């Protein structure tokens, strides 16, 4: 067996391990404990967009609510540097 097919096989095995990785919550996880108002006091990122604007960012607030379908609705708001409000909504 030559080295090239062995390296390809090894690469395929390693890639398949990362693709099939699934993160599951603990069995006793209670989503009701996440519902409510959360204040975002710290955010970390190395993206160029974020690092160039972080000096003007204010503390944000997120509201987490459960929908009738069992999804998690996330409403985020934050004060912009010009005094206007930034609002975003996501469904998870």
C-alpha atoms as a PDB file:
ATOM      1  CA  UNK A   1       0.000   0.000   0.000  1.00  0.00           C
ATOM      2  CA  UNK A   2       1.435   3.356  -0.970  1.00  0.00           C
ATOM      3  CA  UNK A   3       1.362   6.395   1.273  1.00  0.00           C
ATOM      4  CA  UNK A   4      -1.159   8.471  -0.754  1.00  0.00           C
ATOM      5  CA  UNK A   5      -4.184   6.129  -0.395  1.00  0.00           C
ATOM      6  CA  UNK A   6      -3.383   5.724   3.299  1.00  0.00           C
ATOM      7  CA  UNK A   7      -3.360   9.491   3.824  1.00  0.00           C
ATOM      8  CA  UNK A   8      -6.631   9.861   1.895  1.00  0.00           C
ATOM      9  CA  UNK A   9      -8.231   7.140   4.018  1.00  0.00           C
ATOM     10  CA  UNK A  10      -6.965   8.731   7.227  1.00  0.00           C
ATOM     11  CA  UNK A  11      -8.270  12.143   6.120  1.00  0.00           C
ATOM     12  CA  UNK A  12     -11.688  10.678   5.285  1.00  0.00           C
ATOM     13  CA  UNK A  13     -11.921   9.008   8.693  1.00  0.00           C
ATOM     14  CA  UNK A  14     -11.002  12.229  10.502  1.00  0.00           C
ATOM     15  CA  UNK A  15     -13.485  14.287   8.466  1.00  0.00           C
ATOM     16  CA  UNK A  16     -16.294  11.810   9.064  1.00  0.00           C
ATOM     17  CA  UNK A  17     -15.735  12.077  12.821  1.00  0.00           C
ATOM     18  CA  UNK A  18     -16.147  15.856  12.817  1.00  0.00           C
ATOM     19  CA  UNK A  19     -19.169  15.777  10.515  1.00  0.00           C
ATOM     20  CA  UNK A  20     -21.068  13.303  12.675  1.00  0.00           C
ATOM     21  CA  UNK A  21     -20.388  15.117  15.954  1.00  0.00           C
ATOM     22  CA  UNK A  22     -23.651  16.168  17.584  1.00  0.00           C
ATOM     23  CA  UNK A  23     -24.014  18.270  20.706  1.00  0.00           C
ATOM     24  CA  UNK A  24     -26.936  17.194  22.866  1.00  0.00           C
ATOM     25  CA  UNK A  25     -28.209  18.940  25.996  1.00  0.00           C
ATOM     26  CA  UNK A  26     -28.080  17.037  29.290  1.00  0.00           C
ATOM     27  CA  UNK A  27     -31.005  14.689  29.940  1.00  0.00           C
ATOM     28  CA  UNK A  28     -32.264  16.870  32.812  1.00  0.00           C
ATOM     29  CA  UNK A  29     -32.002  20.176  30.866  1.00  0.00           C
ATOM     30  CA  UNK A  30     -34.963  22.468  31.624  1.00  0.00           C
ATOM     31  CA  UNK A  31     -35.635  24.976  28.829  1.00  0.00           C
ATOM     32  CA  UNK A  32     -38.008  26.879  31.133  1.00  0.00           C
ATOM     33  CA  UNK A  33     -34.932  27.955  33.096  1.00  0.00           C
ATOM     34  CA  UNK A  34     -33.680  29.835  30.022  1.00  0.00           C
ATOM     35  CA  UNK A  35     -36.898  31.793  29.448  1.00  0.00           C
ATOM     36  CA  UNK A  36     -36.864  35.444  30.482  1.00  0.00           C
ATOM     37  CA  UNK A  37     -34.723  38.566  30.196  1.00  0.00           C
ATOM     38  CA  UNK A  38     -30.958  38.264  29.757  1.00  0.00           C
ATOM     39  CA  UNK A  39     -28.449  41.121  29.721  1.00  0.00           C
ATOM     40  CA  UNK A  40     -25.528  40.675  27.324  1.00  0.00           C
ATOM     41  CA  UNK A  41     -22.566  42.097  29.205  1.00  0.00           C
ATOM     42  CA  UNK A  42     -19.806  40.353  27.266  1.00  0.00           C
ATOM     43  CA  UNK A  43     -19.390  39.224  23.680  1.00  0.00           C
ATOM     44  CA  UNK A  44     -16.218  37.804  22.167  1.00  0.00           C
ATOM     45  CA  UNK A  45     -15.342  37.696  18.486  1.00  0.00           C
ATOM     46  CA  UNK A  46     -12.332  38.046  16.249  1.00  0.00           C
ATOM     47  CA  UNK A  47     -14.325  39.134  13.191  1.00  0.00           C
ATOM     48  CA  UNK A  48     -13.090  42.302  11.536  1.00  0.00           C
ATOM     49  CA  UNK A  49     -16.588  43.820  11.542  1.00  0.00           C
ATOM     50  CA  UNK A  50     -16.965  43.292  15.291  1.00  0.00           C
ATOM     51  CA  UNK A  51     -13.506  44.433  16.342  1.00  0.00           C
ATOM     52  CA  UNK A  52     -13.775  47.649  14.321  1.00  0.00           C
ATOM     53  CA  UNK A  53     -17.086  48.570  16.016  1.00  0.00           C
ATOM     54  CA  UNK A  54     -16.740  47.214  19.556  1.00  0.00           C
ATOM     55  CA  UNK A  55     -15.780  50.584  21.091  1.00  0.00           C
ATOM     56  CA  UNK A  56     -19.190  52.020  20.174  1.00  0.00           C
ATOM     57  CA  UNK A  57     -21.255  49.000  21.236  1.00  0.00           C
ATOM     58  CA  UNK A  58     -23.531  49.198  24.254  1.00  0.00           C
ATOM     59  CA  UNK A  59     -24.816  46.466  26.539  1.00  0.00           C
ATOM     60  CA  UNK A  60     -27.701  44.616  24.914  1.00  0.00           C
ATOM     61  CA  UNK A  61     -30.737  42.790  26.212  1.00  0.00           C
ATOM     62  CA  UNK A  62     -32.288  39.543  25.005  1.00  0.00           C
ATOM     63  CA  UNK A  63     -35.729  38.124  25.763  1.00  0.00           C
ATOM     64  CA  UNK A  64     -36.122  34.360  25.422  1.00  0.00           C
ATOM     65  CA  UNK A  65     -39.650  32.952  25.115  1.00  0.00           C
ATOM     66  CA  UNK A  66     -41.071  29.562  24.196  1.00  0.00           C
ATOM     67  CA  UNK A  67     -43.500  29.435  21.287  1.00  0.00           C
ATOM     68  CA  UNK A  68     -46.601  27.226  21.173  1.00  0.00           C
ATOM     69  CA  UNK A  69     -44.654  24.874  18.855  1.00  0.00           C
ATOM     70  CA  UNK A  70     -41.872  24.450  21.431  1.00  0.00           C
ATOM     71  CA  UNK A  71     -39.346  26.617  19.581  1.00  0.00           C
ATOM     72  CA  UNK A  72     -37.309  29.304  21.316  1.00  0.00           C
ATOM     73  CA  UNK A  73     -37.971  32.889  20.220  1.00  0.00           C
ATOM     74  CA  UNK A  74     -35.053  35.243  20.843  1.00  0.00           C
ATOM     75  CA  UNK A  75     -35.649  39.013  20.733  1.00  0.00           C
ATOM     76  CA  UNK A  76     -32.524  41.160  20.999  1.00  0.00           C
ATOM     77  CA  UNK A  77     -32.296  44.914  21.416  1.00  0.00           C
ATOM     78  CA  UNK A  78     -29.415  47.294  21.931  1.00  0.00           C
ATOM     79  CA  UNK A  79     -28.797  51.032  21.885  1.00  0.00           C
ATOM     80  CA  UNK A  80     -26.859  52.288  18.869  1.00  0.00           C
ATOM     81  CA  UNK A  81     -24.255  55.035  19.177  1.00  0.00           C
ATOM     82  CA  UNK A  82     -26.668  57.524  17.549  1.00  0.00           C
ATOM     83  CA  UNK A  83     -29.322  56.857  20.215  1.00  0.00           C
ATOM     84  CA  UNK A  84     -31.618  54.705  18.073  1.00  0.00           C
ATOM     85  CA  UNK A  85     -32.609  51.184  19.020  1.00  0.00           C
ATOM     86  CA  UNK A  86     -31.376  48.078  17.178  1.00  0.00           C
ATOM     87  CA  UNK A  87     -33.857  45.184  17.307  1.00  0.00           C
ATOM     88  CA  UNK A  88     -33.431  41.641  15.999  1.00  0.00           C
ATOM     89  CA  UNK A  89     -35.648  38.560  16.299  1.00  0.00           C
ATOM     90  CA  UNK A  90     -34.623  34.938  15.767  1.00  0.00           C
ATOM     91  CA  UNK A  91     -36.385  31.609  16.087  1.00  0.00           C
ATOM     92  CA  UNK A  92     -34.339  28.657  17.316  1.00  0.00           C
END
